[in-house]
Amino acid sequence: SVLCSMLLLSLLVGVYYGWCEKQDTVAEYLLGGKKMSAFPVAM
């Protein structure tokens, strides 16, 4: 259950940022829009 949960959540993250949040520019796609929070980037 733990393994499948991690794999499924990883897929859902990709789905969310791929289809639910617009990333129309190179900066959005490659650099996260240059507005990402320090903590997730550090981790």
Full PDB file with SEQRES, HELIX, SHEET, SSBOND, CRYST1, ORIGX, SCALE, CONECT and MASTER records, all heavy atoms in Angstrom:
SEQRES   1 A   43  SER VAL LEU CYS SER MET LEU LEU LEU SER LEU LEU VAL          
SEQRES   2 A   43  GLY VAL TYR TYR GLY TRP CYS GLU LYS GLN ASP THR VAL          
SEQRES   3 A   43  ALA GLU TYR LEU LEU GLY GLY LYS LYS MET SER ALA PHE          
SEQRES   4 A   43  PRO VAL ALA MET                                              
HELIX    1 AA1 VAL A    2  VAL A   15  1                                  14    
HELIX    2 AA2 TYR A   16  CYS A   20  3                                   5    
HELIX    3 AA3 VAL A   26  LEU A   31  1                                   6    
HELIX    4 AA4 GLY A   32  LYS A   34  5                                   3    
HELIX    5 AA5 ALA A   38  ALA A   42  1                                   5    
CRYST1    1.000    1.000    1.000  90.00  90.00  90.00 P 1           1          
ORIGX1      1.000000  0.000000  0.000000        0.00000                         
ORIGX2      0.000000  1.000000  0.000000        0.00000                         
ORIGX3      0.000000  0.000000  1.000000        0.00000                         
SCALE1      1.000000  0.000000  0.000000        0.00000                         
SCALE2      0.000000  1.000000  0.000000        0.00000                         
SCALE3      0.000000  0.000000  1.000000        0.00000                         
ATOM      1  N   SER A   1       0.834  -1.207   0.000  1.00  0.00           N  
ATOM      2  CA  SER A   1       0.000   0.000   0.000  1.00  0.00           C  
ATOM      3  C   SER A   1       0.867   1.255   0.000  1.00  0.00           C  
ATOM      4  O   SER A   1       0.577   2.230  -0.710  1.00  0.00           O  
ATOM      5  CB  SER A   1      -0.932   0.011   1.213  1.00  0.00           C  
ATOM      6  OG  SER A   1      -1.830  -1.075   1.175  1.00  0.00           O  
ATOM      7  N   VAL A   2       1.932   1.238   0.803  1.00  0.00           N  
ATOM      8  CA  VAL A   2       2.841   2.391   0.858  1.00  0.00           C  
ATOM      9  C   VAL A   2       3.505   2.604  -0.501  1.00  0.00           C  
ATOM     10  O   VAL A   2       3.574   3.737  -1.011  1.00  0.00           O  
ATOM     11  CB  VAL A   2       3.908   2.189   1.956  1.00  0.00           C  
ATOM     12  CG1 VAL A   2       4.973   3.284   1.873  1.00  0.00           C  
ATOM     13  CG2 VAL A   2       3.259   2.173   3.331  1.00  0.00           C  
ATOM     14  N   LEU A   3       3.998   1.522  -1.101  1.00  0.00           N  
ATOM     15  CA  LEU A   3       4.662   1.628  -2.400  1.00  0.00           C  
ATOM     16  C   LEU A   3       3.698   2.150  -3.461  1.00  0.00           C  
ATOM     17  O   LEU A   3       4.020   3.089  -4.204  1.00  0.00           O  
ATOM     18  CB  LEU A   3       5.204   0.259  -2.815  1.00  0.00           C  
ATOM     19  CG  LEU A   3       5.797   0.187  -4.229  1.00  0.00           C  
ATOM     20  CD1 LEU A   3       7.055   1.026  -4.328  1.00  0.00           C  
ATOM     21  CD2 LEU A   3       6.080  -1.262  -4.624  1.00  0.00           C  
ATOM     22  N   CYS A   4       2.516   1.556  -3.537  1.00  0.00           N  
ATOM     23  CA  CYS A   4       1.542   1.966  -4.553  1.00  0.00           C  
ATOM     24  C   CYS A   4       1.077   3.405  -4.331  1.00  0.00           C  
ATOM     25  O   CYS A   4       0.852   4.143  -5.294  1.00  0.00           O  
ATOM     26  CB  CYS A   4       0.347   1.013  -4.536  1.00  0.00           C  
ATOM     27  SG  CYS A   4       0.735  -0.668  -5.094  1.00  0.00           S  
ATOM     28  N   SER A   5       0.955   3.802  -3.073  1.00  0.00           N  
ATOM     29  CA  SER A   5       0.544   5.174  -2.767  1.00  0.00           C  
ATOM     30  C   SER A   5       1.573   6.173  -3.271  1.00  0.00           C  
ATOM     31  O   SER A   5       1.224   7.203  -3.866  1.00  0.00           O  
ATOM     32  CB  SER A   5       0.341   5.345  -1.259  1.00  0.00           C  
ATOM     33  OG  SER A   5      -0.693   4.525  -0.782  1.00  0.00           O  
ATOM     34  N   MET A   6       2.852   5.872  -3.047  1.00  0.00           N  
ATOM     35  CA  MET A   6       3.907   6.779  -3.487  1.00  0.00           C  
ATOM     36  C   MET A   6       3.925   6.885  -5.007  1.00  0.00           C  
ATOM     37  O   MET A   6       4.025   7.993  -5.562  1.00  0.00           O  
ATOM     38  CB  MET A   6       5.270   6.300  -2.995  1.00  0.00           C  
ATOM     39  CG  MET A   6       6.398   7.270  -3.314  1.00  0.00           C  
ATOM     40  SD  MET A   6       8.019   6.685  -2.818  1.00  0.00           S  
ATOM     41  CE  MET A   6       8.260   5.355  -4.004  1.00  0.00           C  
ATOM     42  N   LEU A   7       3.795   5.763  -5.705  1.00  0.00           N  
ATOM     43  CA  LEU A   7       3.801   5.787  -7.161  1.00  0.00           C  
ATOM     44  C   LEU A   7       2.569   6.502  -7.709  1.00  0.00           C  
ATOM     45  O   LEU A   7       2.666   7.300  -8.658  1.00  0.00           O  
ATOM     46  CB  LEU A   7       3.864   4.356  -7.707  1.00  0.00           C  
ATOM     47  CG  LEU A   7       5.134   3.560  -7.379  1.00  0.00           C  
ATOM     48  CD1 LEU A   7       5.040   2.151  -7.939  1.00  0.00           C  
ATOM     49  CD2 LEU A   7       6.371   4.264  -7.921  1.00  0.00           C  
ATOM     50  N   LEU A   8       1.410   6.245  -7.108  1.00  0.00           N  
ATOM     51  CA  LEU A   8       0.176   6.887  -7.567  1.00  0.00           C  
ATOM     52  C   LEU A   8       0.214   8.390  -7.332  1.00  0.00           C  
ATOM     53  O   LEU A   8      -0.167   9.180  -8.206  1.00  0.00           O  
ATOM     54  CB  LEU A   8      -1.030   6.267  -6.852  1.00  0.00           C  
ATOM     55  CG  LEU A   8      -2.398   6.874  -7.198  1.00  0.00           C  
ATOM     56  CD1 LEU A   8      -2.685   6.720  -8.692  1.00  0.00           C  
ATOM     57  CD2 LEU A   8      -3.498   6.218  -6.371  1.00  0.00           C  
ATOM     58  N   LEU A   9       0.671   8.814  -6.168  1.00  0.00           N  
ATOM     59  CA  LEU A   9       0.755  10.242  -5.870  1.00  0.00           C  
ATOM     60  C   LEU A   9       1.742  10.942  -6.799  1.00  0.00           C  
ATOM     61  O   LEU A   9       1.520  12.089  -7.204  1.00  0.00           O  
ATOM     62  CB  LEU A   9       1.156  10.448  -4.407  1.00  0.00           C  
ATOM     63  CG  LEU A   9       0.084  10.099  -3.364  1.00  0.00           C  
ATOM     64  CD1 LEU A   9       0.664  10.164  -1.959  1.00  0.00           C  
ATOM     65  CD2 LEU A   9      -1.117  11.025  -3.498  1.00  0.00           C  
ATOM     66  N   SER A  10       2.835  10.258  -7.141  1.00  0.00           N  
ATOM     67  CA  SER A  10       3.798  10.837  -8.082  1.00  0.00           C  
ATOM     68  C   SER A  10       3.140  11.056  -9.446  1.00  0.00           C  
ATOM     69  O   SER A  10       3.347  12.102 -10.094  1.00  0.00           O  
ATOM     70  CB  SER A  10       5.007   9.912  -8.232  1.00  0.00           C  
ATOM     71  OG  SER A  10       5.688   9.763  -7.003  1.00  0.00           O  
ATOM     72  N   LEU A  11       2.332  10.087  -9.875  1.00  0.00           N  
ATOM     73  CA  LEU A  11       1.608  10.238 -11.135  1.00  0.00           C  
ATOM     74  C   LEU A  11       0.625  11.401 -11.077  1.00  0.00           C  
ATOM     75  O   LEU A  11       0.514  12.192 -12.016  1.00  0.00           O  
ATOM     76  CB  LEU A  11       0.853   8.945 -11.461  1.00  0.00           C  
ATOM     77  CG  LEU A  11       1.641   7.810 -12.113  1.00  0.00           C  
ATOM     78  CD1 LEU A  11       0.778   6.560 -12.213  1.00  0.00           C  
ATOM     79  CD2 LEU A  11       2.126   8.217 -13.503  1.00  0.00           C  
ATOM     80  N   LEU A  12      -0.083  11.517  -9.962  1.00  0.00           N  
ATOM     81  CA  LEU A  12      -1.083  12.568  -9.821  1.00  0.00           C  
ATOM     82  C   LEU A  12      -0.445  13.954  -9.823  1.00  0.00           C  
ATOM     83  O   LEU A  12      -1.024  14.917 -10.341  1.00  0.00           O  
ATOM     84  CB  LEU A  12      -1.896  12.357  -8.541  1.00  0.00           C  
ATOM     85  CG  LEU A  12      -2.814  11.125  -8.536  1.00  0.00           C  
ATOM     86  CD1 LEU A  12      -3.505  10.978  -7.188  1.00  0.00           C  
ATOM     87  CD2 LEU A  12      -3.843  11.213  -9.656  1.00  0.00           C  
ATOM     88  N   VAL A  13       0.737  14.065  -9.223  1.00  0.00           N  
ATOM     89  CA  VAL A  13       1.459  15.342  -9.254  1.00  0.00           C  
ATOM     90  C   VAL A  13       1.771  15.726 -10.697  1.00  0.00           C  
ATOM     91  O   VAL A  13       1.588  16.884 -11.106  1.00  0.00           O  
ATOM     92  CB  VAL A  13       2.753  15.263  -8.419  1.00  0.00           C  
ATOM     93  CG1 VAL A  13       3.620  16.501  -8.651  1.00  0.00           C  
ATOM     94  CG2 VAL A  13       2.424  15.136  -6.946  1.00  0.00           C  
ATOM     95  N   GLY A  14       2.235  14.756 -11.485  1.00  0.00           N  
ATOM     96  CA  GLY A  14       2.517  15.022 -12.893  1.00  0.00           C  
ATOM     97  C   GLY A  14       1.270  15.409 -13.665  1.00  0.00           C  
ATOM     98  O   GLY A  14       1.295  16.322 -14.494  1.00  0.00           O  
ATOM     99  N   VAL A  15       0.165  14.716 -13.386  1.00  0.00           N  
ATOM    100  CA  VAL A  15      -1.103  15.033 -14.046  1.00  0.00           C  
ATOM    101  C   VAL A  15      -1.547  16.446 -13.697  1.00  0.00           C  
ATOM    102  O   VAL A  15      -1.985  17.221 -14.559  1.00  0.00           O  
ATOM    103  CB  VAL A  15      -2.197  14.017 -13.638  1.00  0.00           C  
ATOM    104  CG1 VAL A  15      -3.568  14.488 -14.110  1.00  0.00           C  
ATOM    105  CG2 VAL A  15      -1.886  12.645 -14.209  1.00  0.00           C  
ATOM    106  N   TYR A  16      -1.440  16.814 -12.425  1.00  0.00           N  
ATOM    107  CA  TYR A  16      -1.891  18.133 -11.993  1.00  0.00           C  
ATOM    108  C   TYR A  16      -1.116  19.247 -12.691  1.00  0.00           C  
ATOM    109  O   TYR A  16      -1.710  20.190 -13.240  1.00  0.00           O  
ATOM    110  CB  TYR A  16      -1.736  18.267 -10.478  1.00  0.00           C  
ATOM    111  CG  TYR A  16      -2.059  19.655  -9.962  1.00  0.00           C  
ATOM    112  CD1 TYR A  16      -3.376  20.069  -9.827  1.00  0.00           C  
ATOM    113  CD2 TYR A  16      -1.043  20.558  -9.647  1.00  0.00           C  
ATOM    114  CE1 TYR A  16      -3.681  21.357  -9.385  1.00  0.00           C  
ATOM    115  CE2 TYR A  16      -1.334  21.836  -9.202  1.00  0.00           C  
ATOM    116  CZ  TYR A  16      -2.656  22.228  -9.071  1.00  0.00           C  
ATOM    117  OH  TYR A  16      -2.942  23.493  -8.640  1.00  0.00           O  
ATOM    118  N   TYR A  17       0.209  19.157 -12.667  1.00  0.00           N  
ATOM    119  CA  TYR A  17       1.009  20.229 -13.256  1.00  0.00           C  
ATOM    120  C   TYR A  17       1.051  20.151 -14.775  1.00  0.00           C  
ATOM    121  O   TYR A  17       1.367  21.138 -15.442  1.00  0.00           O  
ATOM    122  CB  TYR A  17       2.423  20.210 -12.686  1.00  0.00           C  
ATOM    123  CG  TYR A  17       2.481  20.770 -11.288  1.00  0.00           C  
ATOM    124  CD1 TYR A  17       2.679  19.940 -10.185  1.00  0.00           C  
ATOM    125  CD2 TYR A  17       2.311  22.124 -11.058  1.00  0.00           C  
ATOM    126  CE1 TYR A  17       2.716  20.451  -8.893  1.00  0.00           C  
ATOM    127  CE2 TYR A  17       2.346  22.644  -9.767  1.00  0.00           C  
ATOM    128  CZ  TYR A  17       2.542  21.795  -8.698  1.00  0.00           C  
ATOM    129  OH  TYR A  17       2.570  22.315  -7.426  1.00  0.00           O  
ATOM    130  N   GLY A  18       0.733  18.978 -15.325  1.00  0.00           N  
ATOM    131  CA  GLY A  18       0.718  18.845 -16.780  1.00  0.00           C  
ATOM    132  C   GLY A  18      -0.566  19.331 -17.427  1.00  0.00           C  
ATOM    133  O   GLY A  18      -0.536  19.911 -18.519  1.00  0.00           O  
ATOM    134  N   TRP A  19      -1.699  19.114 -16.753  1.00  0.00           N  
ATOM    135  CA  TRP A  19      -2.979  19.434 -17.377  1.00  0.00           C  
ATOM    136  C   TRP A  19      -3.807  20.465 -16.603  1.00  0.00           C  
ATOM    137  O   TRP A  19      -4.606  21.173 -17.185  1.00  0.00           O  
ATOM    138  CB  TRP A  19      -3.805  18.165 -17.549  1.00  0.00           C  
ATOM    139  CG  TRP A  19      -3.376  17.363 -18.732  1.00  0.00           C  
ATOM    140  CD1 TRP A  19      -3.548  17.675 -20.038  1.00  0.00           C  
ATOM    141  CD2 TRP A  19      -2.684  16.107 -18.723  1.00  0.00           C  
ATOM    142  NE1 TRP A  19      -3.013  16.696 -20.857  1.00  0.00           N  
ATOM    143  CE2 TRP A  19      -2.481  15.720 -20.071  1.00  0.00           C  
ATOM    144  CE3 TRP A  19      -2.216  15.265 -17.709  1.00  0.00           C  
ATOM    145  CZ2 TRP A  19      -1.847  14.551 -20.432  1.00  0.00           C  
ATOM    146  CZ3 TRP A  19      -1.590  14.090 -18.063  1.00  0.00           C  
ATOM    147  CH2 TRP A  19      -1.396  13.736 -19.401  1.00  0.00           C  
ATOM    148  N   CYS A  20      -3.640  20.534 -15.293  1.00  0.00           N  
ATOM    149  CA  CYS A  20      -4.485  21.424 -14.500  1.00  0.00           C  
ATOM    150  C   CYS A  20      -3.872  22.811 -14.291  1.00  0.00           C  
ATOM    151  O   CYS A  20      -4.577  23.746 -13.950  1.00  0.00           O  
ATOM    152  CB  CYS A  20      -4.781  20.791 -13.129  1.00  0.00           C  
ATOM    153  SG  CYS A  20      -5.645  19.209 -13.262  1.00  0.00           S  
ATOM    154  N   GLU A  21      -2.575  22.925 -14.470  1.00  0.00           N  
ATOM    155  CA  GLU A  21      -1.913  24.219 -14.290  1.00  0.00           C  
ATOM    156  C   GLU A  21      -1.160  24.566 -15.563  1.00  0.00           C  
ATOM    157  O   GLU A  21      -0.340  23.789 -16.047  1.00  0.00           O  
ATOM    158  CB  GLU A  21      -0.956  24.169 -13.093  1.00  0.00           C  
ATOM    159  CG  GLU A  21      -0.353  25.521 -12.764  1.00  0.00           C  
ATOM    160  CD  GLU A  21       0.370  25.506 -11.420  1.00  0.00           C  
ATOM    161  OE1 GLU A  21      -0.260  25.141 -10.413  1.00  0.00           O  
ATOM    162  OE2 GLU A  21       1.550  25.856 -11.389  1.00  0.00           O  
ATOM    163  N   LYS A  22      -1.448  25.741 -16.084  1.00  0.00           N  
ATOM    164  CA  LYS A  22      -0.860  26.129 -17.357  1.00  0.00           C  
ATOM    165  C   LYS A  22       0.642  26.364 -17.233  1.00  0.00           C  
ATOM    166  O   LYS A  22       1.100  27.026 -16.311  1.00  0.00           O  
ATOM    167  CB  LYS A  22      -1.532  27.405 -17.873  1.00  0.00           C  
ATOM    168  CG  LYS A  22      -2.978  27.214 -18.301  1.00  0.00           C  
ATOM    169  CD  LYS A  22      -3.547  28.495 -18.875  1.00  0.00           C  
ATOM    170  CE  LYS A  22      -4.987  28.301 -19.326  1.00  0.00           C  
ATOM    171  NZ  LYS A  22      -5.555  29.539 -19.905  1.00  0.00           N  
ATOM    172  N   GLN A  23       1.380  25.804 -18.193  1.00  0.00           N  
ATOM    173  CA  GLN A  23       2.822  26.033 -18.275  1.00  0.00           C  
ATOM    174  C   GLN A  23       3.141  26.308 -19.739  1.00  0.00           C  
ATOM    175  O   GLN A  23       3.654  25.454 -20.453  1.00  0.00           O  
ATOM    176  CB  GLN A  23       3.601  24.823 -17.749  1.00  0.00           C  
ATOM    177  CG  GLN A  23       3.300  24.490 -16.291  1.00  0.00           C  
ATOM    178  CD  GLN A  23       4.260  23.469 -15.724  1.00  0.00           C  
ATOM    179  OE1 GLN A  23       5.425  23.745 -15.471  1.00  0.00           O  
ATOM    180  NE2 GLN A  23       3.762  22.257 -15.516  1.00  0.00           N  
ATOM    181  N   ASP A  24       2.808  27.531 -20.159  1.00  0.00           N  
ATOM    182  CA  ASP A  24       2.879  27.888 -21.577  1.00  0.00           C  
ATOM    183  C   ASP A  24       4.239  28.417 -22.016  1.00  0.00           C  
ATOM    184  O   ASP A  24       4.465  28.584 -23.205  1.00  0.00           O  
ATOM    185  CB  ASP A  24       1.810  28.948 -21.906  1.00  0.00           C  
ATOM    186  CG  ASP A  24       0.401  28.447 -21.616  1.00  0.00           C  
ATOM    187  OD1 ASP A  24       0.184  27.234 -21.763  1.00  0.00           O  
ATOM    188  OD2 ASP A  24      -0.459  29.265 -21.229  1.00  0.00           O  
ATOM    189  N   THR A  25       5.112  28.697 -21.073  1.00  0.00           N  
ATOM    190  CA  THR A  25       6.408  29.277 -21.426  1.00  0.00           C  
ATOM    191  C   THR A  25       7.540  28.363 -20.978  1.00  0.00           C  
ATOM    192  O   THR A  25       7.347  27.466 -20.144  1.00  0.00           O  
ATOM    193  CB  THR A  25       6.589  30.658 -20.766  1.00  0.00           C  
ATOM    194  OG1 THR A  25       6.637  30.489 -19.339  1.00  0.00           O  
ATOM    195  CG2 THR A  25       5.426  31.578 -21.130  1.00  0.00           C  
ATOM    196  N   VAL A  26       8.715  28.627 -21.522  1.00  0.00           N  
ATOM    197  CA  VAL A  26       9.901  27.866 -21.132  1.00  0.00           C  
ATOM    198  C   VAL A  26      10.206  28.074 -19.650  1.00  0.00           C  
ATOM    199  O   VAL A  26      10.560  27.141 -18.934  1.00  0.00           O  
ATOM    200  CB  VAL A  26      11.113  28.275 -22.001  1.00  0.00           C  
ATOM    201  CG1 VAL A  26      12.388  27.596 -21.486  1.00  0.00           C  
ATOM    202  CG2 VAL A  26      10.872  27.907 -23.453  1.00  0.00           C  
ATOM    203  N   ALA A  27      10.055  29.303 -19.186  1.00  0.00           N  
ATOM    204  CA  ALA A  27      10.335  29.613 -17.781  1.00  0.00           C  
ATOM    205  C   ALA A  27       9.393  28.858 -16.853  1.00  0.00           C  
ATOM    206  O   ALA A  27       9.792  28.393 -15.782  1.00  0.00           O  
ATOM    207  CB  ALA A  27      10.215  31.114 -17.540  1.00  0.00           C  
ATOM    208  N   GLU A  28       8.131  28.718 -17.243  1.00  0.00           N  
ATOM    209  CA  GLU A  28       7.170  27.969 -16.432  1.00  0.00           C  
ATOM    210  C   GLU A  28       7.532  26.495 -16.392  1.00  0.00           C  
ATOM    211  O   GLU A  28       7.499  25.862 -15.337  1.00  0.00           O  
ATOM    212  CB  GLU A  28       5.749  28.147 -16.989  1.00  0.00           C  
ATOM    213  CG  GLU A  28       5.108  29.476 -16.670  1.00  0.00           C  
ATOM    214  CD  GLU A  28       4.680  29.565 -15.223  1.00  0.00           C  
ATOM    215  OE1 GLU A  28       4.530  28.516 -14.582  1.00  0.00           O  
ATOM    216  OE2 GLU A  28       4.507  30.694 -14.725  1.00  0.00           O  
ATOM    217  N   TYR A  29       7.872  25.940 -17.535  1.00  0.00           N  
ATOM    218  CA  TYR A  29       8.126  24.495 -17.634  1.00  0.00           C  
ATOM    219  C   TYR A  29       9.471  24.102 -17.035  1.00  0.00           C  
ATOM    220  O   TYR A  29       9.564  23.153 -16.246  1.00  0.00           O  
ATOM    221  CB  TYR A  29       8.069  24.057 -19.098  1.00  0.00           C  
ATOM    222  CG  TYR A  29       8.278  22.580 -19.302  1.00  0.00           C  
ATOM    223  CD1 TYR A  29       7.256  21.676 -19.042  1.00  0.00           C  
ATOM    224  CD2 TYR A  29       9.498  22.073 -19.750  1.00  0.00           C  
ATOM    225  CE1 TYR A  29       7.441  20.307 -19.226  1.00  0.00           C  
ATOM    226  CE2 TYR A  29       9.691  20.723 -19.936  1.00  0.00           C  
ATOM    227  CZ  TYR A  29       8.660  19.843 -19.671  1.00  0.00           C  
ATOM    228  OH  TYR A  29       8.855  18.488 -19.832  1.00  0.00           O  
ATOM    229  N   LEU A  30      10.532  24.819 -17.379  1.00  0.00           N  
ATOM    230  CA  LEU A  30      11.881  24.435 -16.954  1.00  0.00           C  
ATOM    231  C   LEU A  30      12.282  25.035 -15.611  1.00  0.00           C  
ATOM    232  O   LEU A  30      13.120  24.461 -14.904  1.00  0.00           O  
ATOM    233  CB  LEU A  30      12.905  24.848 -18.008  1.00  0.00           C  
ATOM    234  CG  LEU A  30      12.888  24.089 -19.340  1.00  0.00           C  
ATOM    235  CD1 LEU A  30      13.968  24.632 -20.258  1.00  0.00           C  
ATOM    236  CD2 LEU A  30      13.070  22.589 -19.124  1.00  0.00           C  
ATOM    237  N   LEU A  31      11.700  26.187 -15.252  1.00  0.00           N  
ATOM    238  CA  LEU A  31      12.160  26.907 -14.061  1.00  0.00           C  
ATOM    239  C   LEU A  31      11.042  27.162 -13.060  1.00  0.00           C  
ATOM    240  O   LEU A  31      11.213  27.938 -12.117  1.00  0.00           O  
ATOM    241  CB  LEU A  31      12.811  28.241 -14.465  1.00  0.00           C  
ATOM    242  CG  LEU A  31      13.946  28.142 -15.498  1.00  0.00           C  
ATOM    243  CD1 LEU A  31      14.416  29.527 -15.894  1.00  0.00           C  
ATOM    244  CD2 LEU A  31      15.091  27.307 -14.961  1.00  0.00           C  
ATOM    245  N   GLY A  32       9.895  26.529 -13.250  1.00  0.00           N  
ATOM    246  CA  GLY A  32       8.801  26.679 -12.305  1.00  0.00           C  
ATOM    247  C   GLY A  32       8.265  28.080 -12.207  1.00  0.00           C  
ATOM    248  O   GLY A  32       7.735  28.479 -11.164  1.00  0.00           O  
ATOM    249  N   GLY A  33       8.408  28.850 -13.284  1.00  0.00           N  
ATOM    250  CA  GLY A  33       7.950  30.223 -13.260  1.00  0.00           C  
ATOM    251  C   GLY A  33       8.813  31.157 -12.435  1.00  0.00           C  
ATOM    252  O   GLY A  33       8.487  32.332 -12.252  1.00  0.00           O  
ATOM    253  N   LYS A  34       9.921  30.644 -11.918  1.00  0.00           N  
ATOM    254  CA  LYS A  34      10.855  31.417 -11.083  1.00  0.00           C  
ATOM    255  C   LYS A  34      10.192  31.990  -9.833  1.00  0.00           C  
ATOM    256  O   LYS A  34      10.612  33.025  -9.312  1.00  0.00           O  
ATOM    257  CB  LYS A  34      11.503  32.545 -11.905  1.00  0.00           C  
ATOM    258  CG  LYS A  34      12.257  32.068 -13.137  1.00  0.00           C  
ATOM    259  CD  LYS A  34      12.910  33.206 -13.881  1.00  0.00           C  
ATOM    260  CE  LYS A  34      13.636  32.714 -15.119  1.00  0.00           C  
ATOM    261  NZ  LYS A  34      14.298  33.798 -15.871  1.00  0.00           N  
ATOM    262  N   LYS A  35       9.146  31.309  -9.363  1.00  0.00           N  
ATOM    263  CA  LYS A  35       8.429  31.786  -8.187  1.00  0.00           C  
ATOM    264  C   LYS A  35       8.179  30.675  -7.180  1.00  0.00           C  
ATOM    265  O   LYS A  35       7.229  30.718  -6.408  1.00  0.00           O  
ATOM    266  CB  LYS A  35       7.085  32.411  -8.614  1.00  0.00           C  
ATOM    267  CG  LYS A  35       7.209  33.649  -9.479  1.00  0.00           C  
ATOM    268  CD  LYS A  35       5.854  34.194  -9.866  1.00  0.00           C  
ATOM    269  CE  LYS A  35       5.981  35.441 -10.727  1.00  0.00           C  
ATOM    270  NZ  LYS A  35       4.651  35.975 -11.136  1.00  0.00           N  
ATOM    271  N   MET A  36       9.014  29.677  -7.166  1.00  0.00           N  
ATOM    272  CA  MET A  36       8.801  28.546  -6.277  1.00  0.00           C  
ATOM    273  C   MET A  36       9.285  28.876  -4.864  1.00  0.00           C  
ATOM    274  O   MET A  36      10.169  29.719  -4.659  1.00  0.00           O  
ATOM    275  CB  MET A  36       9.513  27.309  -6.813  1.00  0.00           C  
ATOM    276  CG  MET A  36       9.035  26.874  -8.196  1.00  0.00           C  
ATOM    277  SD  MET A  36       9.383  25.150  -8.542  1.00  0.00           S  
ATOM    278  CE  MET A  36       8.292  24.316  -7.398  1.00  0.00           C  
ATOM    279  N   SER A  37       8.709  28.185  -3.877  1.00  0.00           N  
ATOM    280  CA  SER A  37       9.083  28.390  -2.479  1.00  0.00           C  
ATOM    281  C   SER A  37      10.415  27.725  -2.189  1.00  0.00           C  
ATOM    282  O   SER A  37      10.772  26.708  -2.805  1.00  0.00           O  
ATOM    283  CB  SER A  37       8.005  27.835  -1.558  1.00  0.00           C  
ATOM    284  OG  SER A  37       6.756  28.457  -1.821  1.00  0.00           O  
ATOM    285  N   ALA A  38      11.132  28.278  -1.224  1.00  0.00           N  
ATOM    286  CA  ALA A  38      12.476  27.784  -0.926  1.00  0.00           C  
ATOM    287  C   ALA A  38      12.456  26.373  -0.341  1.00  0.00           C  
ATOM    288  O   ALA A  38      13.324  25.552  -0.667  1.00  0.00           O  
ATOM    289  CB  ALA A  38      13.175  28.736   0.041  1.00  0.00           C  
ATOM    290  N   PHE A  39      11.478  26.076   0.540  1.00  0.00           N  
ATOM    291  CA  PHE A  39      11.492  24.781   1.232  1.00  0.00           C  
ATOM    292  C   PHE A  39      11.359  23.592   0.280  1.00  0.00           C  
ATOM    293  O   PHE A  39      12.199  22.675   0.317  1.00  0.00           O  
ATOM    294  CB  PHE A  39      10.405  24.733   2.300  1.00  0.00           C  
ATOM    295  CG  PHE A  39      10.326  23.401   3.003  1.00  0.00           C  
ATOM    296  CD1 PHE A  39      11.311  23.018   3.910  1.00  0.00           C  
ATOM    297  CD2 PHE A  39       9.291  22.525   2.727  1.00  0.00           C  
ATOM    298  CE1 PHE A  39      11.250  21.777   4.543  1.00  0.00           C  
ATOM    299  CE2 PHE A  39       9.226  21.287   3.360  1.00  0.00           C  
ATOM    300  CZ  PHE A  39      10.203  20.920   4.268  1.00  0.00           C  
ATOM    301  N   PRO A  40      10.322  23.539  -0.593  1.00  0.00           N  
ATOM    302  CA  PRO A  40      10.244  22.387  -1.503  1.00  0.00           C  
ATOM    303  C   PRO A  40      11.436  22.295  -2.442  1.00  0.00           C  
ATOM    304  O   PRO A  40      11.880  21.188  -2.769  1.00  0.00           O  
ATOM    305  CB  PRO A  40       8.935  22.628  -2.276  1.00  0.00           C  
ATOM    306  CG  PRO A  40       8.611  24.054  -2.089  1.00  0.00           C  
ATOM    307  CD  PRO A  40       9.162  24.434  -0.756  1.00  0.00           C  
ATOM    308  N   VAL A  41      11.976  23.446  -2.852  1.00  0.00           N  
ATOM    309  CA  VAL A  41      13.154  23.428  -3.724  1.00  0.00           C  
ATOM    310  C   VAL A  41      14.359  22.868  -2.977  1.00  0.00           C  
ATOM    311  O   VAL A  41      15.146  22.086  -3.522  1.00  0.00           O  
ATOM    312  CB  VAL A  41      13.453  24.841  -4.258  1.00  0.00           C  
ATOM    313  CG1 VAL A  41      14.778  24.855  -5.020  1.00  0.00           C  
ATOM    314  CG2 VAL A  41      12.339  25.313  -5.173  1.00  0.00           C  
ATOM    315  N   ALA A  42      14.501  23.242  -1.695  1.00  0.00           N  
ATOM    316  CA  ALA A  42      15.613  22.734  -0.886  1.00  0.00           C  
ATOM    317  C   ALA A  42      15.512  21.224  -0.709  1.00  0.00           C  
ATOM    318  O   ALA A  42      16.513  20.503  -0.834  1.00  0.00           O  
ATOM    319  CB  ALA A  42      15.615  23.432   0.481  1.00  0.00           C  
ATOM    320  N   MET A  43      14.309  20.738  -0.408  1.00  0.00           N  
ATOM    321  CA  MET A  43      14.118  19.301  -0.238  1.00  0.00           C  
ATOM    322  C   MET A  43      14.348  18.567  -1.549  1.00  0.00           C  
ATOM    323  O   MET A  43      14.928  17.476  -1.576  1.00  0.00           O  
ATOM    324  CB  MET A  43      12.712  19.023   0.291  1.00  0.00           C  
ATOM    325  CG  MET A  43      12.438  19.591   1.681  1.00  0.00           C  
ATOM    326  SD  MET A  43      13.572  18.938   2.930  1.00  0.00           S  
ATOM    327  CE  MET A  43      13.030  17.227   3.016  1.00  0.00           C  
TER     328      MET A  43                                                      
MASTER        0    0    0    5    0    0    0    6  327    1    0    4          
END                                                                             
